[in-house]
Amino acid sequence: MTKVESKPQSRTAEKTTVGSKSLSTLKPSKLTKKARLISLLSKDAGADITSISKKLGWLPHTTRAALSGLRKAGYEISSIKAGTGKPSKYRITSAPAEQLAQ
């Protein structure tokens, strides 16, 4: 059996904005799931747990855990009540200082 060596893939940083501040994200073809989650939550309309779960291929409890992880990392995430019978939407309102410095 032969061993196949994989080449390390390079990642190119691009800028995206959250309000008036910029966050560092990766090139769309090389996005990590965390970067995709941050991108979804950075939109003005925000995103609900169901849509995030579908787009990232996660179960709802995994999505909620990822939101908690972002909060622990210093992101400020607001919850927006959409109305009776509609799911809450989540949105990043500020990012940690080290993310904004990049």
PDB file of N, CA and C in Angstrom:
ATOM      1  N   MET A   1       0.847  -1.170   0.000  1.00  0.00           N
ATOM      2  CA  MET A   1       0.000   0.000   0.000  1.00  0.00           C
ATOM      3  C   MET A   1       0.895   1.236   0.000  1.00  0.00           C
ATOM      4  N   THR A   2       0.624   2.177  -0.866  1.00  0.00           N
ATOM      5  CA  THR A   2       1.444   3.382  -0.944  1.00  0.00           C
ATOM      6  C   THR A   2       0.820   4.493  -0.136  1.00  0.00           C
ATOM      7  N   LYS A   3       1.694   5.324   0.371  1.00  0.00           N
ATOM      8  CA  LYS A   3       1.231   6.444   1.179  1.00  0.00           C
ATOM      9  C   LYS A   3       1.112   7.680   0.294  1.00  0.00           C
ATOM     10  N   VAL A   4      -0.033   8.334   0.348  1.00  0.00           N
ATOM     11  CA  VAL A   4      -0.272   9.533  -0.448  1.00  0.00           C
ATOM     12  C   VAL A   4      -0.096  10.746   0.452  1.00  0.00           C
ATOM     13  N   GLU A   5       0.798  11.620   0.039  1.00  0.00           N
ATOM     14  CA  GLU A   5       1.020  12.836   0.823  1.00  0.00           C
ATOM     15  C   GLU A   5       0.112  13.938   0.306  1.00  0.00           C
ATOM     16  N   SER A   6      -0.472  14.658   1.227  1.00  0.00           N
ATOM     17  CA  SER A   6      -1.331  15.767   0.823  1.00  0.00           C
ATOM     18  C   SER A   6      -0.557  17.062   0.934  1.00  0.00           C
ATOM     19  N   LYS A   7      -0.833  17.968   0.015  1.00  0.00           N
ATOM     20  CA  LYS A   7      -0.184  19.274   0.018  1.00  0.00           C
ATOM     21  C   LYS A   7      -0.954  20.206   0.938  1.00  0.00           C
ATOM     22  N   PRO A   8      -0.255  21.022   1.724  1.00  0.00           N
ATOM     23  CA  PRO A   8      -0.970  22.005   2.543  1.00  0.00           C
ATOM     24  C   PRO A   8      -1.617  23.051   1.643  1.00  0.00           C
ATOM     25  N   GLN A   9      -2.842  23.381   1.957  1.00  0.00           N
ATOM     26  CA  GLN A   9      -3.558  24.371   1.156  1.00  0.00           C
ATOM     27  C   GLN A   9      -3.373  25.743   1.766  1.00  0.00           C
ATOM     28  N   SER A  10      -3.072  26.704   0.916  1.00  0.00           N
ATOM     29  CA  SER A  10      -2.902  28.071   1.414  1.00  0.00           C
ATOM     30  C   SER A  10      -4.251  28.749   1.524  1.00  0.00           C
ATOM     31  N   ARG A  11      -4.343  29.669   2.458  1.00  0.00           N
ATOM     32  CA  ARG A  11      -5.582  30.405   2.679  1.00  0.00           C
ATOM     33  C   ARG A  11      -5.305  31.881   2.486  1.00  0.00           C
ATOM     34  N   THR A  12      -6.130  32.509   1.690  1.00  0.00           N
ATOM     35  CA  THR A  12      -5.972  33.930   1.425  1.00  0.00           C
ATOM     36  C   THR A  12      -7.026  34.695   2.196  1.00  0.00           C
ATOM     37  N   ALA A  13      -6.599  35.697   2.950  1.00  0.00           N
ATOM     38  CA  ALA A  13      -7.537  36.484   3.766  1.00  0.00           C
ATOM     39  C   ALA A  13      -8.186  37.583   2.938  1.00  0.00           C
ATOM     40  N   GLU A  14      -9.460  37.789   3.156  1.00  0.00           N
ATOM     41  CA  GLU A  14     -10.221  38.882   2.572  1.00  0.00           C
ATOM     42  C   GLU A  14     -10.900  39.612   3.716  1.00  0.00           C
ATOM     43  N   LYS A  15     -11.386  40.806   3.449  1.00  0.00           N
ATOM     44  CA  LYS A  15     -12.088  41.575   4.477  1.00  0.00           C
ATOM     45  C   LYS A  15     -13.587  41.527   4.217  1.00  0.00           C
ATOM     46  N   THR A  16     -14.352  41.432   5.283  1.00  0.00           N
ATOM     47  CA  THR A  16     -15.797  41.560   5.236  1.00  0.00           C
ATOM     48  C   THR A  16     -16.190  42.482   6.377  1.00  0.00           C
ATOM     49  N   THR A  17     -17.344  43.086   6.306  1.00  0.00           N
ATOM     50  CA  THR A  17     -17.689  44.066   7.326  1.00  0.00           C
ATOM     51  C   THR A  17     -18.849  43.617   8.191  1.00  0.00           C
ATOM     52  N   VAL A  18     -18.829  44.081   9.419  1.00  0.00           N
ATOM     53  CA  VAL A  18     -19.938  43.941  10.357  1.00  0.00           C
ATOM     54  C   VAL A  18     -20.215  45.360  10.806  1.00  0.00           C
ATOM     55  N   GLY A  19     -21.292  45.927  10.302  1.00  0.00           N
ATOM     56  CA  GLY A  19     -21.571  47.329  10.597  1.00  0.00           C
ATOM     57  C   GLY A  19     -20.474  48.185  10.008  1.00  0.00           C
ATOM     58  N   SER A  20     -19.808  48.987  10.822  1.00  0.00           N
ATOM     59  CA  SER A  20     -18.738  49.841  10.326  1.00  0.00           C
ATOM     60  C   SER A  20     -17.360  49.233  10.566  1.00  0.00           C
ATOM     61  N   LYS A  21     -17.295  48.029  11.145  1.00  0.00           N
ATOM     62  CA  LYS A  21     -16.021  47.396  11.461  1.00  0.00           C
ATOM     63  C   LYS A  21     -15.768  46.231  10.519  1.00  0.00           C
ATOM     64  N   SER A  22     -14.500  45.890  10.315  1.00  0.00           N
ATOM     65  CA  SER A  22     -14.185  44.795   9.406  1.00  0.00           C
ATOM     66  C   SER A  22     -13.714  43.570  10.168  1.00  0.00           C
ATOM     67  N   LEU A  23     -14.060  42.399   9.630  1.00  0.00           N
ATOM     68  CA  LEU A  23     -13.623  41.124  10.178  1.00  0.00           C
ATOM     69  C   LEU A  23     -12.774  40.435   9.119  1.00  0.00           C
ATOM     70  N   SER A  24     -11.809  39.678   9.547  1.00  0.00           N
ATOM     71  CA  SER A  24     -10.992  38.928   8.607  1.00  0.00           C
ATOM     72  C   SER A  24     -11.691  37.600   8.338  1.00  0.00           C
ATOM     73  N   THR A  25     -11.907  37.299   7.067  1.00  0.00           N
ATOM     74  CA  THR A  25     -12.468  36.003   6.692  1.00  0.00           C
ATOM     75  C   THR A  25     -11.580  35.393   5.620  1.00  0.00           C
ATOM     76  N   LEU A  26     -11.863  34.190   5.243  1.00  0.00           N
ATOM     77  CA  LEU A  26     -11.061  33.494   4.257  1.00  0.00           C
ATOM     78  C   LEU A  26     -11.733  33.532   2.900  1.00  0.00           C
ATOM     79  N   LYS A  27     -10.961  33.268   1.871  1.00  0.00           N
ATOM     80  CA  LYS A  27     -11.462  33.234   0.499  1.00  0.00           C
ATOM     81  C   LYS A  27     -12.645  32.261   0.419  1.00  0.00           C
ATOM     82  N   PRO A  28     -13.714  32.597  -0.318  1.00  0.00           N
ATOM     83  CA  PRO A  28     -14.918  31.761  -0.336  1.00  0.00           C
ATOM     84  C   PRO A  28     -14.677  30.278  -0.610  1.00  0.00           C
ATOM     85  N   SER A  29     -13.745  29.915  -1.491  1.00  0.00           N
ATOM     86  CA  SER A  29     -13.514  28.505  -1.787  1.00  0.00           C
ATOM     87  C   SER A  29     -12.801  27.780  -0.652  1.00  0.00           C
ATOM     88  N   LYS A  30     -12.191  28.509   0.261  1.00  0.00           N
ATOM     89  CA  LYS A  30     -11.437  27.919   1.359  1.00  0.00           C
ATOM     90  C   LYS A  30     -12.030  28.250   2.725  1.00  0.00           C
ATOM     91  N   LEU A  31     -13.291  28.619   2.785  1.00  0.00           N
ATOM     92  CA  LEU A  31     -13.902  29.017   4.050  1.00  0.00           C
ATOM     93  C   LEU A  31     -13.996  27.858   5.034  1.00  0.00           C
ATOM     94  N   THR A  32     -13.635  28.122   6.273  1.00  0.00           N
ATOM     95  CA  THR A  32     -13.870  27.159   7.329  1.00  0.00           C
ATOM     96  C   THR A  32     -15.327  27.295   7.764  1.00  0.00           C
ATOM     97  N   LYS A  33     -15.817  26.332   8.504  1.00  0.00           N
ATOM     98  CA  LYS A  33     -17.199  26.433   8.968  1.00  0.00           C
ATOM     99  C   LYS A  33     -17.363  27.597   9.938  1.00  0.00           C
ATOM    100  N   LYS A  34     -16.348  27.854  10.749  1.00  0.00           N
ATOM    101  CA  LYS A  34     -16.412  28.991  11.669  1.00  0.00           C
ATOM    102  C   LYS A  34     -16.501  30.297  10.874  1.00  0.00           C
ATOM    103  N   ALA A  35     -15.699  30.425   9.828  1.00  0.00           N
ATOM    104  CA  ALA A  35     -15.734  31.633   9.002  1.00  0.00           C
ATOM    105  C   ALA A  35     -17.085  31.767   8.295  1.00  0.00           C
ATOM    106  N   ARG A  36     -17.647  30.643   7.838  1.00  0.00           N
ATOM    107  CA  ARG A  36     -18.969  30.684   7.202  1.00  0.00           C
ATOM    108  C   ARG A  36     -20.039  31.073   8.218  1.00  0.00           C
ATOM    109  N   LEU A  37     -19.928  30.572   9.452  1.00  0.00           N
ATOM    110  CA  LEU A  37     -20.873  30.929  10.514  1.00  0.00           C
ATOM    111  C   LEU A  37     -20.791  32.421  10.804  1.00  0.00           C
ATOM    112  N   ILE A  38     -19.589  32.942  10.924  1.00  0.00           N
ATOM    113  CA  ILE A  38     -19.407  34.381  11.171  1.00  0.00           C
ATOM    114  C   ILE A  38     -19.995  35.185  10.020  1.00  0.00           C
ATOM    115  N   SER A  39     -19.800  34.729   8.805  1.00  0.00           N
ATOM    116  CA  SER A  39     -20.355  35.409   7.637  1.00  0.00           C
ATOM    117  C   SER A  39     -21.887  35.433   7.673  1.00  0.00           C
ATOM    118  N   LEU A  40     -22.497  34.301   8.018  1.00  0.00           N
ATOM    119  CA  LEU A  40     -23.962  34.234   8.104  1.00  0.00           C
ATOM    120  C   LEU A  40     -24.498  35.161   9.193  1.00  0.00           C
ATOM    121  N   LEU A  41     -23.799  35.204  10.318  1.00  0.00           N
ATOM    122  CA  LEU A  41     -24.253  36.025  11.438  1.00  0.00           C
ATOM    123  C   LEU A  41     -23.924  37.505  11.257  1.00  0.00           C
ATOM    124  N   SER A  42     -23.077  37.829  10.305  1.00  0.00           N
ATOM    125  CA  SER A  42     -22.677  39.216  10.070  1.00  0.00           C
ATOM    126  C   SER A  42     -23.665  39.983   9.197  1.00  0.00           C
ATOM    127  N   LYS A  43     -24.565  39.284   8.555  1.00  0.00           N
ATOM    128  CA  LYS A  43     -25.553  39.946   7.698  1.00  0.00           C
ATOM    129  C   LYS A  43     -26.511  40.772   8.550  1.00  0.00           C
ATOM    130  N   ASP A  44     -27.011  41.873   7.990  1.00  0.00           N
ATOM    131  CA  ASP A  44     -27.915  42.759   8.723  1.00  0.00           C
ATOM    132  C   ASP A  44     -29.170  42.040   9.213  1.00  0.00           C
ATOM    133  N   ALA A  45     -29.695  41.121   8.416  1.00  0.00           N
ATOM    134  CA  ALA A  45     -30.917  40.402   8.788  1.00  0.00           C
ATOM    135  C   ALA A  45     -30.645  39.304   9.804  1.00  0.00           C
ATOM    136  N   GLY A  46     -29.366  38.896   9.955  1.00  0.00           N
ATOM    137  CA  GLY A  46     -29.044  37.813  10.866  1.00  0.00           C
ATOM    138  C   GLY A  46     -29.435  36.473  10.273  1.00  0.00           C
ATOM    139  N   ALA A  47     -29.445  35.434  11.086  1.00  0.00           N
ATOM    140  CA  ALA A  47     -29.813  34.096  10.628  1.00  0.00           C
ATOM    141  C   ALA A  47     -30.406  33.319  11.791  1.00  0.00           C
ATOM    142  N   ASP A  48     -31.327  32.403  11.468  1.00  0.00           N
ATOM    143  CA  ASP A  48     -31.925  31.579  12.521  1.00  0.00           C
ATOM    144  C   ASP A  48     -31.203  30.229  12.589  1.00  0.00           C
ATOM    145  N   ILE A  49     -31.409  29.513  13.668  1.00  0.00           N
ATOM    146  CA  ILE A  49     -30.728  28.243  13.920  1.00  0.00           C
ATOM    147  C   ILE A  49     -30.969  27.244  12.791  1.00  0.00           C
ATOM    148  N   THR A  50     -32.191  27.156  12.302  1.00  0.00           N
ATOM    149  CA  THR A  50     -32.529  26.191  11.255  1.00  0.00           C
ATOM    150  C   THR A  50     -31.761  26.465   9.969  1.00  0.00           C
ATOM    151  N   SER A  51     -31.725  27.714   9.532  1.00  0.00           N
ATOM    152  CA  SER A  51     -31.027  28.030   8.285  1.00  0.00           C
ATOM    153  C   SER A  51     -29.518  27.850   8.422  1.00  0.00           C
ATOM    154  N   ILE A  52     -28.963  28.207   9.568  1.00  0.00           N
ATOM    155  CA  ILE A  52     -27.526  28.009   9.804  1.00  0.00           C
ATOM    156  C   ILE A  52     -27.214  26.514   9.774  1.00  0.00           C
ATOM    157  N   SER A  53     -28.044  25.716  10.449  1.00  0.00           N
ATOM    158  CA  SER A  53     -27.827  24.268  10.503  1.00  0.00           C
ATOM    159  C   SER A  53     -27.839  23.652   9.108  1.00  0.00           C
ATOM    160  N   LYS A  54     -28.779  24.074   8.270  1.00  0.00           N
ATOM    161  CA  LYS A  54     -28.871  23.538   6.910  1.00  0.00           C
ATOM    162  C   LYS A  54     -27.657  23.936   6.080  1.00  0.00           C
ATOM    163  N   LYS A  55     -27.244  25.196   6.167  1.00  0.00           N
ATOM    164  CA  LYS A  55     -26.130  25.687   5.343  1.00  0.00           C
ATOM    165  C   LYS A  55     -24.790  25.085   5.763  1.00  0.00           C
ATOM    166  N   LEU A  56     -24.626  24.789   7.037  1.00  0.00           N
ATOM    167  CA  LEU A  56     -23.353  24.250   7.517  1.00  0.00           C
ATOM    168  C   LEU A  56     -23.370  22.731   7.686  1.00  0.00           C
ATOM    169  N   GLY A  57     -24.544  22.120   7.555  1.00  0.00           N
ATOM    170  CA  GLY A  57     -24.645  20.674   7.705  1.00  0.00           C
ATOM    171  C   GLY A  57     -24.529  20.215   9.145  1.00  0.00           C
ATOM    172  N   TRP A  58     -24.971  21.057  10.072  1.00  0.00           N
ATOM    173  CA  TRP A  58     -24.900  20.759  11.494  1.00  0.00           C
ATOM    174  C   TRP A  58     -26.287  20.447  12.030  1.00  0.00           C
ATOM    175  N   LEU A  59     -26.336  19.759  13.168  1.00  0.00           N
ATOM    176  CA  LEU A  59     -27.577  19.589  13.902  1.00  0.00           C
ATOM    177  C   LEU A  59     -27.811  20.863  14.721  1.00  0.00           C
ATOM    178  N   PRO A  60     -29.074  21.134  15.086  1.00  0.00           N
ATOM    179  CA  PRO A  60     -29.361  22.370  15.828  1.00  0.00           C
ATOM    180  C   PRO A  60     -28.560  22.532  17.125  1.00  0.00           C
ATOM    181  N   HIS A  61     -28.337  21.439  17.860  1.00  0.00           N
ATOM    182  CA  HIS A  61     -27.578  21.586  19.116  1.00  0.00           C
ATOM    183  C   HIS A  61     -26.108  21.937  18.837  1.00  0.00           C
ATOM    184  N   THR A  62     -25.584  21.495  17.716  1.00  0.00           N
ATOM    185  CA  THR A  62     -24.214  21.846  17.330  1.00  0.00           C
ATOM    186  C   THR A  62     -24.133  23.329  16.973  1.00  0.00           C
ATOM    187  N   THR A  63     -25.159  23.828  16.301  1.00  0.00           N
ATOM    188  CA  THR A  63     -25.210  25.244  15.922  1.00  0.00           C
ATOM    189  C   THR A  63     -25.268  26.112  17.173  1.00  0.00           C
ATOM    190  N   ARG A  64     -26.108  25.740  18.128  1.00  0.00           N
ATOM    191  CA  ARG A  64     -26.195  26.516  19.365  1.00  0.00           C
ATOM    192  C   ARG A  64     -24.866  26.490  20.120  1.00  0.00           C
ATOM    193  N   ALA A  65     -24.187  25.344  20.114  1.00  0.00           N
ATOM    194  CA  ALA A  65     -22.885  25.236  20.773  1.00  0.00           C
ATOM    195  C   ALA A  65     -21.856  26.128  20.072  1.00  0.00           C
ATOM    196  N   ALA A  66     -21.912  26.211  18.754  1.00  0.00           N
ATOM    197  CA  ALA A  66     -20.991  27.070  18.004  1.00  0.00           C
ATOM    198  C   ALA A  66     -21.243  28.543  18.337  1.00  0.00           C
ATOM    199  N   LEU A  67     -22.506  28.929  18.519  1.00  0.00           N
ATOM    200  CA  LEU A  67     -22.826  30.298  18.922  1.00  0.00           C
ATOM    201  C   LEU A  67     -22.236  30.583  20.305  1.00  0.00           C
ATOM    202  N   SER A  68     -22.339  29.618  21.199  1.00  0.00           N
ATOM    203  CA  SER A  68     -21.753  29.776  22.537  1.00  0.00           C
ATOM    204  C   SER A  68     -20.237  29.910  22.450  1.00  0.00           C
ATOM    205  N   GLY A  69     -19.621  29.143  21.556  1.00  0.00           N
ATOM    206  CA  GLY A  69     -18.184  29.215  21.369  1.00  0.00           C
ATOM    207  C   GLY A  69     -17.742  30.574  20.852  1.00  0.00           C
ATOM    208  N   LEU A  70     -18.530  31.157  19.938  1.00  0.00           N
ATOM    209  CA  LEU A  70     -18.221  32.501  19.436  1.00  0.00           C
ATOM    210  C   LEU A  70     -18.340  33.524  20.559  1.00  0.00           C
ATOM    211  N   ARG A  71     -19.351  33.366  21.402  1.00  0.00           N
ATOM    212  CA  ARG A  71     -19.507  34.287  22.540  1.00  0.00           C
ATOM    213  C   ARG A  71     -18.299  34.189  23.473  1.00  0.00           C
ATOM    214  N   LYS A  72     -17.838  32.962  23.743  1.00  0.00           N
ATOM    215  CA  LYS A  72     -16.668  32.765  24.608  1.00  0.00           C
ATOM    216  C   LYS A  72     -15.408  33.359  23.974  1.00  0.00           C
ATOM    217  N   ALA A  73     -15.361  33.379  22.643  1.00  0.00           N
ATOM    218  CA  ALA A  73     -14.202  33.928  21.930  1.00  0.00           C
ATOM    219  C   ALA A  73     -14.230  35.455  21.890  1.00  0.00           C
ATOM    220  N   GLY A  74     -15.319  36.067  22.383  1.00  0.00           N
ATOM    221  CA  GLY A  74     -15.382  37.519  22.463  1.00  0.00           C
ATOM    222  C   GLY A  74     -16.350  38.188  21.509  1.00  0.00           C
ATOM    223  N   TYR A  75     -17.055  37.408  20.688  1.00  0.00           N
ATOM    224  CA  TYR A  75     -18.049  37.994  19.788  1.00  0.00           C
ATOM    225  C   TYR A  75     -19.296  38.332  20.593  1.00  0.00           C
ATOM    226  N   GLU A  76     -19.903  39.448  20.272  1.00  0.00           N
ATOM    227  CA  GLU A  76     -21.162  39.818  20.900  1.00  0.00           C
ATOM    228  C   GLU A  76     -22.268  39.463  19.918  1.00  0.00           C
ATOM    229  N   ILE A  77     -23.154  38.549  20.319  1.00  0.00           N
ATOM    230  CA  ILE A  77     -24.220  38.062  19.446  1.00  0.00           C
ATOM    231  C   ILE A  77     -25.553  38.446  20.054  1.00  0.00           C
ATOM    232  N   SER A  78     -26.380  39.134  19.250  1.00  0.00           N
ATOM    233  CA  SER A  78     -27.700  39.521  19.739  1.00  0.00           C
ATOM    234  C   SER A  78     -28.754  38.574  19.180  1.00  0.00           C
ATOM    235  N   SER A  79     -29.794  38.363  19.966  1.00  0.00           N
ATOM    236  CA  SER A  79     -30.918  37.532  19.576  1.00  0.00           C
ATOM    237  C   SER A  79     -32.086  38.444  19.245  1.00  0.00           C
ATOM    238  N   ILE A  80     -32.671  38.258  18.071  1.00  0.00           N
ATOM    239  CA  ILE A  80     -33.779  39.095  17.614  1.00  0.00           C
ATOM    240  C   ILE A  80     -35.031  38.235  17.540  1.00  0.00           C
ATOM    241  N   LYS A  81     -36.024  38.571  18.348  1.00  0.00           N
ATOM    242  CA  LYS A  81     -37.294  37.846  18.318  1.00  0.00           C
ATOM    243  C   LYS A  81     -38.046  38.255  17.059  1.00  0.00           C
ATOM    244  N   ALA A  82     -38.343  37.283  16.190  1.00  0.00           N
ATOM    245  CA  ALA A  82     -38.968  37.568  14.905  1.00  0.00           C
ATOM    246  C   ALA A  82     -40.485  37.758  14.998  1.00  0.00           C
ATOM    247  N   GLY A  83     -41.113  37.201  15.984  1.00  0.00           N
ATOM    248  CA  GLY A  83     -42.563  37.323  16.135  1.00  0.00           C
ATOM    249  C   GLY A  83     -43.163  35.999  16.566  1.00  0.00           C
ATOM    250  N   THR A  84     -44.463  35.976  16.737  1.00  0.00           N
ATOM    251  CA  THR A  84     -45.163  34.784  17.195  1.00  0.00           C
ATOM    252  C   THR A  84     -45.008  33.648  16.191  1.00  0.00           C
ATOM    253  N   GLY A  85     -44.499  32.515  16.651  1.00  0.00           N
ATOM    254  CA  GLY A  85     -44.359  31.338  15.812  1.00  0.00           C
ATOM    255  C   GLY A  85     -43.151  31.343  14.896  1.00  0.00           C
ATOM    256  N   LYS A  86     -42.385  32.420  14.874  1.00  0.00           N
ATOM    257  CA  LYS A  86     -41.204  32.491  14.018  1.00  0.00           C
ATOM    258  C   LYS A  86     -39.955  32.296  14.871  1.00  0.00           C
ATOM    259  N   PRO A  87     -38.938  31.669  14.283  1.00  0.00           N
ATOM    260  CA  PRO A  87     -37.709  31.437  15.066  1.00  0.00           C
ATOM    261  C   PRO A  87     -36.918  32.720  15.309  1.00  0.00           C
ATOM    262  N   SER A  88     -36.191  32.760  16.399  1.00  0.00           N
ATOM    263  CA  SER A  88     -35.332  33.904  16.704  1.00  0.00           C
ATOM    264  C   SER A  88     -34.169  33.945  15.723  1.00  0.00           C
ATOM    265  N   LYS A  89     -33.728  35.146  15.415  1.00  0.00           N
ATOM    266  CA  LYS A  89     -32.568  35.314  14.539  1.00  0.00           C
ATOM    267  C   LYS A  89     -31.414  35.825  15.376  1.00  0.00           C
ATOM    268  N   TYR A  90     -30.224  35.431  14.995  1.00  0.00           N
ATOM    269  CA  TYR A  90     -29.020  35.810  15.715  1.00  0.00           C
ATOM    270  C   TYR A  90     -28.128  36.620  14.782  1.00  0.00           C
ATOM    271  N   ARG A  91     -27.428  37.608  15.365  1.00  0.00           N
ATOM    272  CA  ARG A  91     -26.582  38.479  14.568  1.00  0.00           C
ATOM    273  C   ARG A  91     -25.391  38.929  15.398  1.00  0.00           C
ATOM    274  N   ILE A  92     -24.218  38.993  14.764  1.00  0.00           N
ATOM    275  CA  ILE A  92     -23.023  39.495  15.447  1.00  0.00           C
ATOM    276  C   ILE A  92     -23.109  41.013  15.473  1.00  0.00           C
ATOM    277  N   THR A  93     -23.014  41.592  16.676  1.00  0.00           N
ATOM    278  CA  THR A  93     -23.061  43.051  16.801  1.00  0.00           C
ATOM    279  C   THR A  93     -21.678  43.640  17.020  1.00  0.00           C
ATOM    280  N   SER A  94     -20.734  42.843  17.553  1.00  0.00           N
ATOM    281  CA  SER A  94     -19.342  43.290  17.643  1.00  0.00           C
ATOM    282  C   SER A  94     -18.432  42.078  17.720  1.00  0.00           C
ATOM    283  N   ALA A  95     -17.194  42.298  17.281  1.00  0.00           N
ATOM    284  CA  ALA A  95     -16.208  41.226  17.239  1.00  0.00           C
ATOM    285  C   ALA A  95     -15.086  41.531  18.223  1.00  0.00           C
ATOM    286  N   PRO A  96     -14.318  40.515  18.607  1.00  0.00           N
ATOM    287  CA  PRO A  96     -13.209  40.757  19.522  1.00  0.00           C
ATOM    288  C   PRO A  96     -12.164  41.684  18.893  1.00  0.00           C
ATOM    289  N   ALA A  97     -11.444  42.413  19.707  1.00  0.00           N
ATOM    290  CA  ALA A  97     -10.470  43.407  19.237  1.00  0.00           C
ATOM    291  C   ALA A  97      -9.405  42.782  18.349  1.00  0.00           C
ATOM    292  N   GLU A  98      -8.923  41.579  18.656  1.00  0.00           N
ATOM    293  CA  GLU A  98      -7.873  40.968  17.840  1.00  0.00           C
ATOM    294  C   GLU A  98      -8.361  40.600  16.443  1.00  0.00           C
ATOM    295  N   GLN A  99      -9.663  40.329  16.286  1.00  0.00           N
ATOM    296  CA  GLN A  99     -10.227  40.062  14.966  1.00  0.00           C
ATOM    297  C   GLN A  99     -10.280  41.317  14.134  1.00  0.00           C
ATOM    298  N   LEU A 100     -10.600  42.440  14.756  1.00  0.00           N
ATOM    299  CA  LEU A 100     -10.719  43.697  14.035  1.00  0.00           C
ATOM    300  C   LEU A 100      -9.369  44.271  13.642  1.00  0.00           C
ATOM    301  N   ALA A 101      -8.313  43.906  14.353  1.00  0.00           N
ATOM    302  CA  ALA A 101      -6.981  44.434  14.082  1.00  0.00           C
ATOM    303  C   ALA A 101      -6.354  43.823  12.827  1.00  0.00           C
ATOM    304  N   GLN A 102      -6.835  42.678  12.392  1.00  0.00           N
ATOM    305  CA  GLN A 102      -6.246  41.995  11.228  1.00  0.00           C
ATOM    306  C   GLN A 102      -6.578  42.670   9.936  1.00  0.00           C
TER     307      GLN A 102
END
